[in-house]
Amino acid sequence: MPFTDSEISNTGFKVVGRVEKEEKSDNWGPAIEHAHGTAWYVAQMLLLEANGVNIDDERSSLSDKLAVLWEHAQEAVEARGCDLKDIDLLEGYKGEIPRGKGGNPSARFTMVGLCVTPRYREEFVAYLQENRIPGDLVLLAFPARRGMKDGKFNLKLTYDK
């Protein structure tokens, strides 16, 4: 059916010009990339320390150490009761730090915010599977104690089901 004129007259509607939204500078992309890299570094450190791997040994990288740990673990690598509170994922970041709603810091730039916000967590896992870990693995993070908001989390690297 083609568009037709309305039979109703004088509805009170006004036609208003549409104003394009002002372009914002893209300072989110580099900040998110930095935050994801930092979060992965923190996760590796916690997983390795929890499983007795000497992270101070400089003969191999953290990724190499994690690969060896995974090879021995086969099913999953876990770190329990990790304190993620007060971890700023943009610490040392040289670029402009983007702000969230109302000019407040964005939760995606804290380790807890990244782990508990579904959208941010999914973006982080996608980043890991694309850039840092085999595509059939997933990093899970969940509160160490149900209902507690103390920043303690369990981390688990396992197969993506």
N, C-alpha and C. Protein backbone atom coordinates (compact mmCIF):
# COMPACT_ATOMS: atom_id res chain seq x y z
N MET A 1 0.84 -1.18 0.00
CA MET A 1 0.00 0.00 0.00
C MET A 1 0.89 1.24 0.00
N PRO A 2 0.65 2.17 -0.88
CA PRO A 2 1.45 3.39 -0.91
C PRO A 2 1.08 4.31 0.25
N PHE A 3 1.98 5.23 0.54
CA PHE A 3 1.68 6.23 1.57
C PHE A 3 0.54 7.12 1.07
N THR A 4 -0.33 7.45 2.02
CA THR A 4 -1.44 8.34 1.66
C THR A 4 -1.54 9.45 2.68
N ASP A 5 -2.24 10.50 2.34
CA ASP A 5 -2.47 11.60 3.27
C ASP A 5 -3.42 11.15 4.36
N SER A 6 -3.28 11.74 5.51
CA SER A 6 -4.18 11.43 6.61
C SER A 6 -5.51 12.11 6.39
N GLU A 7 -6.55 11.47 6.85
CA GLU A 7 -7.88 12.05 6.78
C GLU A 7 -8.07 13.06 7.91
N ILE A 8 -7.19 12.99 8.93
CA ILE A 8 -7.34 13.86 10.10
C ILE A 8 -6.70 15.20 9.79
N SER A 9 -7.40 16.26 10.14
CA SER A 9 -6.83 17.58 9.90
C SER A 9 -6.58 18.28 11.23
N ASN A 10 -5.66 19.20 11.26
CA ASN A 10 -5.36 20.03 12.42
C ASN A 10 -5.07 19.19 13.68
N THR A 11 -4.03 18.32 13.61
CA THR A 11 -3.69 17.46 14.74
C THR A 11 -2.84 18.16 15.79
N GLY A 12 -2.28 19.31 15.44
CA GLY A 12 -1.44 20.01 16.40
C GLY A 12 0.03 19.63 16.28
N PHE A 13 0.40 18.75 15.34
CA PHE A 13 1.80 18.39 15.16
C PHE A 13 2.53 19.52 14.46
N LYS A 14 3.80 19.67 14.81
CA LYS A 14 4.63 20.66 14.15
C LYS A 14 5.81 19.93 13.51
N VAL A 15 6.25 20.41 12.40
CA VAL A 15 7.45 19.86 11.77
C VAL A 15 8.62 20.70 12.27
N VAL A 16 9.58 20.04 12.87
CA VAL A 16 10.72 20.73 13.46
C VAL A 16 11.97 20.28 12.74
N GLY A 17 12.87 21.20 12.50
CA GLY A 17 14.14 20.84 11.86
C GLY A 17 14.95 19.92 12.77
N ARG A 18 15.63 18.97 12.17
CA ARG A 18 16.43 18.01 12.93
C ARG A 18 17.87 18.53 13.01
N VAL A 19 18.40 18.53 14.20
CA VAL A 19 19.76 19.01 14.41
C VAL A 19 20.66 17.80 14.59
N GLU A 20 21.72 17.74 13.81
CA GLU A 20 22.67 16.64 13.94
C GLU A 20 23.43 16.76 15.26
N LYS A 21 23.69 15.60 15.87
CA LYS A 21 24.46 15.62 17.11
C LYS A 21 25.89 16.05 16.80
N GLU A 22 26.43 16.80 17.72
CA GLU A 22 27.80 17.27 17.56
C GLU A 22 28.75 16.08 17.66
N GLU A 23 29.70 16.03 16.75
CA GLU A 23 30.69 14.95 16.76
C GLU A 23 31.58 15.10 18.00
N LYS A 24 31.76 14.00 18.70
CA LYS A 24 32.66 14.02 19.85
C LYS A 24 33.99 13.42 19.42
N SER A 25 35.05 13.87 20.04
CA SER A 25 36.35 13.31 19.71
C SER A 25 36.38 11.85 20.14
N ASP A 26 37.06 11.04 19.35
CA ASP A 26 37.09 9.61 19.66
C ASP A 26 38.22 9.32 20.63
N ASN A 27 37.99 9.64 21.90
CA ASN A 27 38.98 9.31 22.91
C ASN A 27 38.61 8.01 23.63
N TRP A 28 37.47 7.42 23.29
CA TRP A 28 37.04 6.18 23.93
C TRP A 28 37.83 4.97 23.42
N GLY A 29 38.03 4.88 22.12
CA GLY A 29 38.70 3.72 21.53
C GLY A 29 40.06 3.42 22.15
N PRO A 30 40.99 4.37 22.14
CA PRO A 30 42.30 4.12 22.73
C PRO A 30 42.23 3.84 24.24
N ALA A 31 41.33 4.52 24.93
CA ALA A 31 41.19 4.29 26.38
C ALA A 31 40.68 2.88 26.66
N ILE A 32 39.69 2.44 25.89
CA ILE A 32 39.15 1.09 26.06
C ILE A 32 40.22 0.04 25.76
N GLU A 33 40.97 0.26 24.69
CA GLU A 33 42.06 -0.66 24.32
C GLU A 33 43.08 -0.76 25.47
N HIS A 34 43.45 0.38 26.03
CA HIS A 34 44.39 0.40 27.15
C HIS A 34 43.80 -0.33 28.36
N ALA A 35 42.53 -0.07 28.66
CA ALA A 35 41.88 -0.70 29.81
C ALA A 35 41.82 -2.21 29.63
N HIS A 36 41.50 -2.67 28.43
CA HIS A 36 41.44 -4.11 28.18
C HIS A 36 42.81 -4.75 28.33
N GLY A 37 43.84 -4.09 27.82
CA GLY A 37 45.20 -4.61 27.97
C GLY A 37 45.62 -4.69 29.42
N THR A 38 45.29 -3.66 30.18
CA THR A 38 45.62 -3.65 31.60
C THR A 38 44.85 -4.73 32.36
N ALA A 39 43.57 -4.88 32.04
CA ALA A 39 42.74 -5.90 32.70
C ALA A 39 43.28 -7.29 32.42
N TRP A 40 43.73 -7.55 31.20
CA TRP A 40 44.30 -8.86 30.87
C TRP A 40 45.62 -9.08 31.63
N TYR A 41 46.44 -8.04 31.73
CA TYR A 41 47.68 -8.15 32.49
C TYR A 41 47.38 -8.50 33.95
N VAL A 42 46.43 -7.80 34.55
CA VAL A 42 46.04 -8.07 35.94
C VAL A 42 45.51 -9.49 36.08
N ALA A 43 44.66 -9.92 35.16
CA ALA A 43 44.08 -11.27 35.22
C ALA A 43 45.18 -12.33 35.12
N GLN A 44 46.13 -12.12 34.20
CA GLN A 44 47.24 -13.08 34.08
C GLN A 44 48.03 -13.17 35.38
N MET A 45 48.36 -12.02 35.94
CA MET A 45 49.13 -12.00 37.19
C MET A 45 48.40 -12.77 38.29
N LEU A 46 47.10 -12.51 38.43
CA LEU A 46 46.32 -13.17 39.48
C LEU A 46 46.22 -14.67 39.25
N LEU A 47 45.98 -15.08 38.02
CA LEU A 47 45.88 -16.52 37.71
C LEU A 47 47.21 -17.23 37.95
N LEU A 48 48.30 -16.60 37.53
CA LEU A 48 49.62 -17.22 37.72
C LEU A 48 50.00 -17.30 39.19
N GLU A 49 49.83 -16.19 39.92
CA GLU A 49 50.16 -16.18 41.35
C GLU A 49 49.35 -17.22 42.11
N ALA A 50 48.04 -17.31 41.81
CA ALA A 50 47.16 -18.25 42.51
C ALA A 50 47.55 -19.71 42.26
N ASN A 51 48.25 -19.95 41.16
CA ASN A 51 48.63 -21.31 40.82
C ASN A 51 50.12 -21.57 41.03
N GLY A 52 50.75 -20.72 41.84
CA GLY A 52 52.12 -20.95 42.28
C GLY A 52 53.19 -20.71 41.24
N VAL A 53 52.90 -19.97 40.19
CA VAL A 53 53.89 -19.68 39.16
C VAL A 53 54.68 -18.45 39.57
N ASN A 54 56.00 -18.52 39.46
CA ASN A 54 56.88 -17.41 39.82
C ASN A 54 56.79 -16.34 38.73
N ILE A 55 56.11 -15.26 39.01
CA ILE A 55 55.94 -14.21 38.01
C ILE A 55 57.15 -13.28 37.93
N ASP A 56 58.04 -13.36 38.91
CA ASP A 56 59.24 -12.52 38.91
C ASP A 56 60.34 -13.09 38.02
N ASP A 57 60.22 -14.35 37.64
CA ASP A 57 61.19 -14.98 36.75
C ASP A 57 61.02 -14.38 35.35
N GLU A 58 62.05 -13.69 34.88
CA GLU A 58 61.94 -12.95 33.63
C GLU A 58 62.34 -13.76 32.40
N ARG A 59 62.56 -15.07 32.56
CA ARG A 59 63.00 -15.87 31.42
C ARG A 59 61.89 -16.08 30.39
N SER A 60 60.65 -15.95 30.79
CA SER A 60 59.56 -16.08 29.82
C SER A 60 58.47 -15.06 30.14
N SER A 61 57.66 -14.75 29.14
CA SER A 61 56.61 -13.75 29.32
C SER A 61 55.44 -14.33 30.12
N LEU A 62 54.57 -13.45 30.58
CA LEU A 62 53.39 -13.90 31.30
C LEU A 62 52.54 -14.81 30.43
N SER A 63 52.43 -14.47 29.14
CA SER A 63 51.62 -15.28 28.23
C SER A 63 52.20 -16.68 28.08
N ASP A 64 53.52 -16.77 27.99
CA ASP A 64 54.16 -18.08 27.90
C ASP A 64 53.92 -18.89 29.17
N LYS A 65 54.03 -18.23 30.31
CA LYS A 65 53.80 -18.92 31.58
C LYS A 65 52.36 -19.39 31.70
N LEU A 66 51.42 -18.56 31.24
CA LEU A 66 50.02 -18.94 31.28
C LEU A 66 49.75 -20.10 30.34
N ALA A 67 50.41 -20.12 29.19
CA ALA A 67 50.25 -21.23 28.23
C ALA A 67 50.73 -22.54 28.84
N VAL A 68 51.85 -22.50 29.54
CA VAL A 68 52.36 -23.70 30.20
C VAL A 68 51.41 -24.14 31.31
N LEU A 69 50.93 -23.19 32.09
CA LEU A 69 49.97 -23.50 33.16
C LEU A 69 48.70 -24.12 32.57
N TRP A 70 48.21 -23.56 31.48
CA TRP A 70 47.01 -24.09 30.84
C TRP A 70 47.25 -25.51 30.32
N GLU A 71 48.42 -25.73 29.76
CA GLU A 71 48.77 -27.05 29.24
C GLU A 71 48.69 -28.11 30.32
N HIS A 72 49.13 -27.76 31.53
CA HIS A 72 49.09 -28.70 32.64
C HIS A 72 47.69 -28.82 33.25
N ALA A 73 46.93 -27.75 33.21
CA ALA A 73 45.60 -27.75 33.84
C ALA A 73 44.56 -28.43 32.96
N GLN A 74 44.63 -28.24 31.66
CA GLN A 74 43.73 -28.84 30.67
C GLN A 74 42.29 -28.32 30.70
N GLU A 75 41.61 -28.37 31.82
CA GLU A 75 40.18 -28.02 31.88
C GLU A 75 39.94 -26.55 32.25
N ALA A 76 40.66 -26.09 33.26
CA ALA A 76 40.43 -24.72 33.75
C ALA A 76 41.60 -24.27 34.63
N VAL A 77 41.81 -22.97 34.63
CA VAL A 77 42.78 -22.34 35.54
C VAL A 77 41.97 -21.35 36.37
N GLU A 78 42.11 -21.44 37.69
CA GLU A 78 41.29 -20.60 38.57
C GLU A 78 42.14 -19.78 39.53
N ALA A 79 41.58 -18.66 39.94
CA ALA A 79 42.14 -17.85 41.02
C ALA A 79 40.95 -17.42 41.86
N ARG A 80 40.96 -17.77 43.13
CA ARG A 80 39.80 -17.50 44.01
C ARG A 80 40.09 -16.35 44.96
N GLY A 81 39.04 -15.58 45.24
CA GLY A 81 39.12 -14.50 46.22
C GLY A 81 40.05 -13.37 45.84
N CYS A 82 40.15 -13.08 44.55
CA CYS A 82 41.02 -11.99 44.08
C CYS A 82 40.41 -10.63 44.44
N ASP A 83 41.23 -9.75 45.00
CA ASP A 83 40.75 -8.42 45.36
C ASP A 83 40.90 -7.50 44.14
N LEU A 84 39.78 -7.20 43.49
CA LEU A 84 39.79 -6.35 42.29
C LEU A 84 39.38 -4.92 42.59
N LYS A 85 39.06 -4.66 43.86
CA LYS A 85 38.63 -3.32 44.25
C LYS A 85 39.78 -2.33 44.07
N ASP A 86 39.45 -1.14 43.65
CA ASP A 86 40.41 -0.03 43.50
C ASP A 86 41.47 -0.26 42.42
N ILE A 87 41.22 -1.15 41.46
CA ILE A 87 42.15 -1.31 40.35
C ILE A 87 41.69 -0.39 39.22
N ASP A 88 42.48 0.64 38.98
CA ASP A 88 42.19 1.62 37.93
C ASP A 88 42.85 1.13 36.65
N LEU A 89 42.04 0.81 35.64
CA LEU A 89 42.56 0.25 34.40
C LEU A 89 43.21 1.30 33.50
N LEU A 90 43.08 2.57 33.84
CA LEU A 90 43.71 3.63 33.06
C LEU A 90 44.91 4.24 33.77
N GLU A 91 45.38 3.59 34.81
CA GLU A 91 46.56 4.09 35.51
C GLU A 91 47.73 4.10 34.54
N GLY A 92 48.39 5.23 34.43
CA GLY A 92 49.53 5.36 33.53
C GLY A 92 49.14 5.68 32.09
N TYR A 93 47.86 5.79 31.81
CA TYR A 93 47.38 6.09 30.46
C TYR A 93 47.70 7.54 30.13
N LYS A 94 48.27 7.78 28.97
CA LYS A 94 48.73 9.11 28.59
C LYS A 94 47.67 9.93 27.83
N GLY A 95 46.68 9.26 27.27
CA GLY A 95 45.67 9.97 26.48
C GLY A 95 44.61 10.63 27.34
N GLU A 96 43.65 11.24 26.66
CA GLU A 96 42.54 11.89 27.35
C GLU A 96 41.60 10.81 27.90
N ILE A 97 41.25 10.93 29.16
CA ILE A 97 40.38 9.95 29.80
C ILE A 97 38.93 10.34 29.57
N PRO A 98 38.18 9.51 28.85
CA PRO A 98 36.77 9.85 28.60
C PRO A 98 35.94 9.74 29.87
N ARG A 99 34.86 10.48 29.92
CA ARG A 99 33.97 10.49 31.08
C ARG A 99 32.64 9.88 30.70
N GLY A 100 31.99 9.29 31.68
CA GLY A 100 30.66 8.71 31.49
C GLY A 100 29.59 9.77 31.63
N LYS A 101 28.39 9.32 31.93
CA LYS A 101 27.25 10.23 32.07
C LYS A 101 27.51 11.25 33.17
N GLY A 102 27.15 12.48 32.90
CA GLY A 102 27.28 13.54 33.89
C GLY A 102 28.72 13.89 34.23
N GLY A 103 29.68 13.46 33.39
CA GLY A 103 31.09 13.77 33.65
C GLY A 103 31.74 12.87 34.67
N ASN A 104 31.03 11.84 35.12
CA ASN A 104 31.58 10.91 36.11
C ASN A 104 32.51 9.90 35.44
N PRO A 105 33.46 9.33 36.19
CA PRO A 105 34.32 8.29 35.62
C PRO A 105 33.47 7.09 35.19
N SER A 106 33.84 6.49 34.07
CA SER A 106 33.10 5.34 33.56
C SER A 106 33.50 4.07 34.29
N ALA A 107 32.50 3.23 34.62
CA ALA A 107 32.75 1.97 35.33
C ALA A 107 33.61 1.02 34.50
N ARG A 108 33.64 1.19 33.19
CA ARG A 108 34.39 0.27 32.34
C ARG A 108 35.89 0.40 32.55
N PHE A 109 36.33 1.45 33.26
CA PHE A 109 37.74 1.66 33.47
C PHE A 109 38.21 1.24 34.86
N THR A 110 37.36 0.52 35.58
CA THR A 110 37.77 -0.11 36.84
C THR A 110 37.63 -1.61 36.65
N MET A 111 38.44 -2.38 37.34
CA MET A 111 38.41 -3.83 37.16
C MET A 111 37.06 -4.40 37.58
N VAL A 112 36.50 -3.92 38.69
CA VAL A 112 35.20 -4.41 39.15
C VAL A 112 34.12 -4.04 38.14
N GLY A 113 34.12 -2.79 37.67
CA GLY A 113 33.13 -2.36 36.68
C GLY A 113 33.19 -3.19 35.42
N LEU A 114 34.38 -3.51 34.98
CA LEU A 114 34.56 -4.33 33.79
C LEU A 114 34.00 -5.74 34.00
N CYS A 115 34.16 -6.26 35.20
CA CYS A 115 33.73 -7.64 35.49
C CYS A 115 32.24 -7.76 35.74
N VAL A 116 31.61 -6.75 36.31
CA VAL A 116 30.20 -6.89 36.71
C VAL A 116 29.21 -6.30 35.71
N THR A 117 29.66 -5.43 34.81
CA THR A 117 28.75 -4.83 33.84
C THR A 117 28.67 -5.75 32.63
N PRO A 118 27.51 -6.34 32.36
CA PRO A 118 27.42 -7.35 31.30
C PRO A 118 27.99 -6.90 29.95
N ARG A 119 27.65 -5.70 29.51
CA ARG A 119 28.13 -5.23 28.21
C ARG A 119 29.65 -5.09 28.19
N TYR A 120 30.21 -4.50 29.24
CA TYR A 120 31.66 -4.31 29.30
C TYR A 120 32.36 -5.67 29.39
N ARG A 121 31.79 -6.58 30.18
CA ARG A 121 32.38 -7.92 30.33
C ARG A 121 32.40 -8.64 28.98
N GLU A 122 31.29 -8.57 28.24
CA GLU A 122 31.22 -9.22 26.93
C GLU A 122 32.24 -8.62 25.96
N GLU A 123 32.39 -7.30 25.98
CA GLU A 123 33.37 -6.65 25.10
C GLU A 123 34.78 -7.08 25.47
N PHE A 124 35.06 -7.23 26.76
CA PHE A 124 36.38 -7.63 27.21
C PHE A 124 36.67 -9.07 26.79
N VAL A 125 35.70 -9.96 26.96
CA VAL A 125 35.88 -11.36 26.55
C VAL A 125 36.09 -11.44 25.05
N ALA A 126 35.34 -10.66 24.28
CA ALA A 126 35.51 -10.64 22.82
C ALA A 126 36.92 -10.16 22.46
N TYR A 127 37.40 -9.13 23.16
CA TYR A 127 38.76 -8.62 22.96
C TYR A 127 39.78 -9.72 23.24
N LEU A 128 39.60 -10.44 24.34
CA LEU A 128 40.53 -11.51 24.70
C LEU A 128 40.54 -12.60 23.64
N GLN A 129 39.36 -13.03 23.21
CA GLN A 129 39.27 -14.11 22.23
C GLN A 129 39.81 -13.68 20.87
N GLU A 130 39.76 -12.41 20.59
CA GLU A 130 40.25 -11.89 19.32
C GLU A 130 41.75 -11.67 19.35
N ASN A 131 42.27 -11.22 20.49
CA ASN A 131 43.66 -10.76 20.55
C ASN A 131 44.58 -11.50 21.52
N ARG A 132 44.03 -12.12 22.55
CA ARG A 132 44.91 -12.57 23.64
C ARG A 132 44.84 -14.06 23.97
N ILE A 133 43.71 -14.69 23.80
CA ILE A 133 43.56 -16.10 24.17
C ILE A 133 42.96 -16.88 23.01
N PRO A 134 43.13 -18.20 22.99
CA PRO A 134 42.49 -18.99 21.93
C PRO A 134 40.98 -18.74 21.92
N GLY A 135 40.40 -18.74 20.74
CA GLY A 135 38.98 -18.42 20.58
C GLY A 135 38.03 -19.36 21.28
N ASP A 136 38.50 -20.58 21.63
CA ASP A 136 37.61 -21.52 22.31
C ASP A 136 37.67 -21.42 23.83
N LEU A 137 38.42 -20.43 24.34
CA LEU A 137 38.51 -20.22 25.78
C LEU A 137 37.76 -18.96 26.17
N VAL A 138 37.43 -18.85 27.45
CA VAL A 138 36.75 -17.67 27.96
C VAL A 138 37.25 -17.39 29.37
N LEU A 139 37.37 -16.12 29.72
CA LEU A 139 37.73 -15.73 31.08
C LEU A 139 36.45 -15.34 31.80
N LEU A 140 36.15 -16.05 32.88
CA LEU A 140 34.97 -15.76 33.68
C LEU A 140 35.40 -15.04 34.95
N ALA A 141 34.59 -14.11 35.40
CA ALA A 141 34.83 -13.41 36.66
C ALA A 141 33.49 -13.28 37.36
N PHE A 142 33.44 -13.72 38.62
CA PHE A 142 32.19 -13.63 39.36
C PHE A 142 32.50 -13.38 40.83
N PRO A 143 31.59 -12.71 41.54
CA PRO A 143 31.85 -12.39 42.94
C PRO A 143 32.21 -13.65 43.75
N ALA A 144 33.19 -13.50 44.63
CA ALA A 144 33.65 -14.63 45.42
C ALA A 144 32.59 -15.11 46.40
N ARG A 145 31.80 -14.18 46.90
CA ARG A 145 30.72 -14.55 47.83
C ARG A 145 29.44 -13.91 47.34
N ARG A 146 28.43 -14.73 47.20
CA ARG A 146 27.15 -14.25 46.69
C ARG A 146 26.61 -13.13 47.58
N GLY A 147 26.24 -12.03 46.96
CA GLY A 147 25.63 -10.92 47.68
C GLY A 147 26.63 -9.98 48.33
N MET A 148 27.91 -10.33 48.29
CA MET A 148 28.91 -9.45 48.91
C MET A 148 29.41 -8.46 47.87
N LYS A 149 29.64 -7.22 48.30
CA LYS A 149 30.14 -6.20 47.39
C LYS A 149 31.46 -5.66 47.91
N ASP A 150 32.37 -6.57 48.18
CA ASP A 150 33.66 -6.17 48.74
C ASP A 150 34.78 -6.13 47.70
N GLY A 151 34.45 -6.40 46.43
CA GLY A 151 35.46 -6.37 45.39
C GLY A 151 36.23 -7.66 45.23
N LYS A 152 35.85 -8.71 45.95
CA LYS A 152 36.52 -10.01 45.84
C LYS A 152 35.85 -10.83 44.75
N PHE A 153 36.67 -11.33 43.83
CA PHE A 153 36.15 -12.10 42.70
C PHE A 153 36.92 -13.39 42.52
N ASN A 154 36.27 -14.37 41.92
CA ASN A 154 36.92 -15.58 41.46
C ASN A 154 37.11 -15.43 39.95
N LEU A 155 38.28 -15.77 39.47
CA LEU A 155 38.57 -15.75 38.04
C LEU A 155 38.72 -17.19 37.57
N LYS A 156 38.24 -17.46 36.37
CA LYS A 156 38.36 -18.81 35.83
C LYS A 156 38.55 -18.73 34.33
N LEU A 157 39.66 -19.29 33.86
CA LEU A 157 39.92 -19.41 32.44
C LEU A 157 39.53 -20.82 32.06
N THR A 158 38.58 -20.97 31.16
CA THR A 158 38.07 -22.30 30.83
C THR A 158 37.57 -22.32 29.39
N TYR A 159 37.07 -23.48 28.97
CA TYR A 159 36.51 -23.59 27.62
C TYR A 159 35.21 -22.82 27.52
N ASP A 160 35.02 -22.15 26.39
CA ASP A 160 33.77 -21.41 26.13
C ASP A 160 32.72 -22.40 25.68
N LYS A 161 31.64 -22.50 26.48
CA LYS A 161 30.61 -23.49 26.16
C LYS A 161 29.40 -22.86 25.57
